[in-house]
Protein backbone atom coordinates (compact mmCIF):
# COMPACT_ATOMS: atom_id res chain seq x y z
CA MET A 1 13.27 -26.79 -89.22
CA ILE A 2 16.10 -24.50 -87.77
CA ILE A 3 19.29 -24.24 -89.99
CA ALA A 4 22.62 -25.29 -88.80
CA PRO A 5 24.20 -22.05 -88.69
CA ILE A 6 21.38 -20.35 -86.57
CA ALA A 7 21.14 -23.37 -84.27
CA VAL A 8 24.93 -22.98 -83.37
CA ALA A 9 23.92 -19.47 -82.66
CA LEU A 10 21.01 -20.17 -80.43
CA ALA A 11 23.42 -22.54 -78.39
CA ALA A 12 25.76 -21.11 -75.69
CA ALA A 13 29.36 -22.16 -75.41
CA ALA A 14 28.84 -21.97 -71.66
CA PRO A 15 31.53 -22.40 -69.33
CA ALA A 16 31.65 -25.35 -66.88
CA VAL A 17 31.11 -23.55 -63.82
CA THR A 18 28.14 -21.13 -63.31
CA PRO A 19 29.55 -17.94 -61.96
CA THR A 20 27.78 -16.63 -58.95
CA ARG A 21 27.11 -13.41 -60.32
CA LEU A 22 26.09 -12.63 -63.88
CA PRO A 23 26.14 -8.83 -64.52
CA PRO A 24 25.57 -7.18 -67.76
CA VAL A 25 28.73 -8.04 -70.16
CA GLU A 26 29.82 -6.00 -73.26
CA GLN A 27 31.91 -7.85 -75.87
CA CYS A 28 30.88 -6.32 -79.01
CA ARG A 29 32.42 -3.00 -79.10
CA ASP A 30 35.15 -4.26 -81.74
CA ASP A 31 33.35 -4.34 -84.91
CA GLN A 32 32.50 -1.02 -86.43
CA SER A 33 29.94 -2.54 -88.78
CA PHE A 34 27.97 -4.25 -85.85
CA ASP A 35 28.05 -0.95 -83.97
CA ARG A 36 26.45 0.97 -87.10
CA PHE A 37 23.59 -2.11 -87.05
CA ARG A 38 23.25 -1.78 -83.30
CA SER A 39 22.76 1.97 -83.57
CA THR A 40 19.80 1.32 -86.12
CA LEU A 41 18.26 -1.20 -84.19
CA GLU A 42 18.04 0.85 -81.23
CA ASP A 43 16.62 3.68 -83.22
CA ALA A 44 14.09 1.31 -84.87
CA ILE A 45 12.92 0.17 -81.43
CA THR A 46 12.74 3.84 -80.03
CA ARG A 47 10.65 4.88 -82.85
CA LYS A 48 8.64 1.75 -82.90
CA ASP A 49 9.25 1.45 -86.78
CA VAL A 50 8.31 -1.82 -88.13
CA ALA A 51 9.72 -0.96 -92.02
CA ALA A 52 13.01 -0.20 -90.35
CA LEU A 53 13.14 -3.42 -88.14
CA ARG A 54 12.17 -5.50 -91.11
CA LYS A 55 14.94 -4.20 -92.89
CA LEU A 56 17.31 -5.46 -90.11
CA ALA A 57 15.63 -8.84 -89.93
CA ALA A 58 16.85 -12.08 -91.89
CA PRO A 59 14.24 -13.67 -93.90
CA GLY A 60 14.19 -16.76 -91.95
CA ILE A 61 14.11 -14.97 -88.78
CA ILE A 62 13.08 -17.37 -86.02
CA ALA A 63 10.30 -16.06 -83.97
CA ASN A 64 9.80 -19.03 -81.90
CA PHE A 65 10.72 -22.83 -81.54
CA GLY A 66 7.66 -24.15 -82.93
CA GLY A 67 8.29 -23.66 -86.50
CA GLY A 68 8.09 -19.82 -86.84
CA SER A 69 10.95 -18.80 -89.13
CA SER A 70 9.83 -16.00 -91.32
CA TRP A 71 8.95 -12.20 -91.15
CA ASP A 72 5.42 -13.03 -91.54
CA ALA A 73 5.39 -15.55 -88.57
CA PHE A 74 7.56 -12.88 -86.69
CA ALA A 75 5.09 -10.13 -87.39
CA GLU A 76 1.98 -12.28 -86.59
CA GLN A 77 3.44 -13.17 -83.17
CA TRP A 78 4.24 -9.89 -82.22
CA GLY A 79 1.17 -7.99 -83.69
CA LEU A 80 3.15 -5.86 -86.02
CA THR A 81 0.35 -5.87 -88.83
CA SER A 82 -1.79 -3.60 -86.86
CA ASN A 83 -1.33 -1.26 -83.86
CA SER A 84 2.27 -1.99 -83.98
CA GLY A 85 2.75 0.81 -81.67
CA GLN A 86 1.36 -1.15 -79.07
CA SER A 87 3.10 -4.37 -79.30
CA ALA A 88 5.33 -5.52 -76.43
CA LEU A 89 8.02 -6.47 -78.90
CA TRP A 90 9.51 -2.88 -78.49
CA LYS A 91 9.85 -3.13 -74.65
CA GLU A 92 11.15 -6.67 -74.78
CA MET A 93 13.92 -5.77 -77.37
CA ALA A 94 14.94 -2.67 -75.39
CA ALA A 95 15.31 -4.70 -72.24
CA VAL A 96 17.55 -7.30 -73.63
CA ILE A 97 19.83 -4.78 -75.53
CA ALA A 98 20.21 -2.84 -72.31
CA LEU A 99 21.75 -6.18 -70.69
CA GLY A 100 24.75 -6.12 -73.05
CA CYS A 101 25.99 -8.25 -75.93
CA GLY A 102 28.08 -11.57 -75.92
CA ILE A 103 29.77 -13.07 -78.77
CA THR A 104 28.47 -16.69 -79.79
CA PRO A 105 30.71 -19.60 -80.70
CA ASP A 106 30.61 -19.06 -84.38
CA GLY A 107 30.90 -15.37 -84.14
CA GLY A 108 27.37 -14.10 -84.07
CA ARG A 109 26.16 -11.38 -81.39
CA VAL A 110 23.73 -12.30 -78.64
CA PHE A 111 21.49 -9.97 -76.03
CA PRO A 112 21.73 -10.36 -73.35
CA GLY A 113 25.39 -11.28 -72.99
CA MET A 114 24.77 -13.17 -69.93
CA PHE A 115 23.46 -16.09 -72.29
CA GLU A 116 26.72 -16.97 -73.27
CA ALA A 117 28.34 -16.68 -69.53
CA MET A 118 25.67 -18.77 -67.73
CA GLY A 119 27.66 -22.02 -67.58
CA ASP A 120 26.29 -25.43 -67.81
CA GLU A 121 26.58 -26.45 -64.02
CA ALA A 122 23.17 -25.06 -63.23
CA ASP A 123 19.94 -26.08 -64.61
CA PRO A 124 19.14 -23.01 -67.28
CA TYR A 125 15.17 -23.63 -66.57
CA GLU A 126 15.90 -22.99 -62.81
CA LEU A 127 18.50 -20.38 -63.13
CA VAL A 128 18.05 -16.85 -62.48
CA VAL A 129 19.75 -13.59 -62.01
CA ALA A 130 18.85 -11.06 -59.44
CA ARG A 131 19.05 -7.39 -60.38
CA PRO A 132 21.27 -5.17 -58.11
CA GLY A 133 19.86 -4.05 -54.84
CA THR A 134 17.06 -6.87 -54.66
CA PRO A 135 16.26 -7.82 -51.21
CA LEU A 136 16.28 -11.43 -50.17
CA HIS A 137 13.38 -11.78 -47.65
CA SER A 138 13.09 -14.42 -45.09
CA GLN A 139 9.44 -14.57 -45.85
CA ALA A 140 7.32 -13.85 -49.10
CA ARG A 141 6.28 -10.42 -47.51
CA THR A 142 7.96 -6.99 -48.18
CA ASP A 143 7.97 -6.30 -44.33
CA SER A 144 10.07 -9.70 -43.47
CA ALA A 145 13.53 -9.84 -42.58
CA ILE A 146 15.93 -8.91 -45.31
CA ILE A 147 18.71 -11.62 -45.37
CA ALA A 148 20.93 -10.05 -47.92
CA LYS A 149 21.00 -7.57 -50.69
CA LEU A 150 21.65 -9.01 -54.28
CA ASP A 151 23.86 -7.80 -56.97
CA TRP A 152 23.39 -9.64 -60.16
CA SER A 153 23.50 -12.59 -58.11
CA SER A 154 22.93 -16.21 -59.41
CA ALA A 155 20.39 -18.54 -57.95
CA ILE A 156 18.09 -21.39 -58.43
CA VAL A 157 14.30 -21.28 -58.11
CA VAL A 158 13.54 -23.69 -55.57
CA ASN A 159 9.67 -22.93 -55.18
CA THR A 160 7.28 -20.96 -57.83
CA GLU A 161 4.18 -21.88 -55.83
CA GLY A 162 4.59 -19.39 -53.22
CA PRO A 163 2.17 -16.20 -53.16
CA GLU A 164 1.72 -14.58 -56.37
CA GLY A 165 4.58 -12.37 -57.25
CA TRP A 166 7.35 -14.06 -55.35
CA ALA A 167 9.85 -17.01 -55.65
CA LYS A 168 11.97 -18.88 -53.37
CA ILE A 169 15.60 -19.04 -54.25
CA GLN A 170 18.90 -20.70 -53.27
CA LEU A 171 22.13 -18.65 -53.95
CA LEU A 172 24.75 -20.95 -55.61
CA ARG A 173 27.60 -22.55 -53.86
CA GLY A 174 25.55 -23.09 -50.76
CA GLY A 175 24.25 -19.29 -50.35
CA PRO A 176 21.35 -18.36 -48.50
CA LEU A 177 17.63 -19.47 -49.12
CA GLY A 178 15.08 -16.67 -49.17
CA TRP A 179 12.24 -15.08 -51.05
CA VAL A 180 12.55 -12.46 -53.96
CA GLU A 181 9.87 -10.40 -55.73
CA THR A 182 9.72 -12.07 -59.34
CA GLY A 183 9.76 -8.78 -60.89
CA ALA A 184 13.53 -8.31 -59.68
CA ILE A 185 14.96 -11.62 -61.44
CA ILE A 186 15.84 -12.29 -64.81
CA SER A 187 16.00 -15.61 -66.56
CA PRO A 188 18.94 -16.07 -68.98
CA LEU A 189 16.52 -18.17 -70.99
CA GLY A 190 14.33 -15.15 -71.23
CA TYR A 191 14.20 -13.26 -74.80
CA ARG A 192 17.34 -13.03 -76.30
CA LEU A 193 18.23 -11.34 -79.86
CA VAL A 194 20.80 -13.21 -82.10
CA SER A 195 22.37 -11.40 -84.99
CA GLU A 196 24.66 -12.91 -87.61
CA LYS A 197 26.45 -11.71 -90.61
CA GLN A 198 24.69 -12.67 -93.74
CA ASP A 199 26.02 -11.53 -97.26
CA ASP A 200 28.27 -9.16 -95.70
CA ARG A 201 25.88 -7.65 -93.29
CA TRP A 202 24.40 -7.98 -89.92
CA VAL A 203 20.91 -9.03 -89.65
CA ILE A 204 18.35 -10.52 -86.92
CA THR A 205 18.22 -14.13 -86.94
CA ALA A 206 16.19 -14.88 -84.19
CA PHE A 207 14.47 -13.33 -81.22
CA VAL A 208 13.27 -15.87 -79.09
CA ALA A 209 13.01 -17.20 -75.56
CA GLY A 210 13.69 -20.52 -73.96
CA ASP A 211 16.10 -23.32 -75.39
């Protein structure tokens, strides 16, 4: 069972309308203690230091929504008990931190910050954000006509059954329909890192994907 404070942190206080663009946001530079926490976390990720990461994790860190709420469950899920340097965790954590930090309704912190800004108008399971410079193609081919160049543009996935590596999307507010390569889009419900203050220090309370 997810205890109440963490459950609140995982739920975004979304605006009513989903923005047409969801660029990285940075709202968390007003707390020196959090700055120190983030710096230590980034260093642990760079060095792939399991021991340092464990010191930053809450005892009940949520690893998944299937009941994994402990360091042991987290370490097992990410393969940190052996060959930890090869774990995909380091790349995933670095990627979400690079997308900026948002503040949760109860004063926690979440990476990426777009999770707090995605709004509740669009279905979060269908919502994606296109990275800057992503071409919106008329067909699922790189040599097809380019309809638009996207820039952190919000869109809804309307077809996931196209050619491998491609998704058909509809930009919000009646924007154009077209195809993008899946490597160029981000889901706000992808991996996110949640941190909260416990016993007067910042700790990682969750690193999860989904909702």
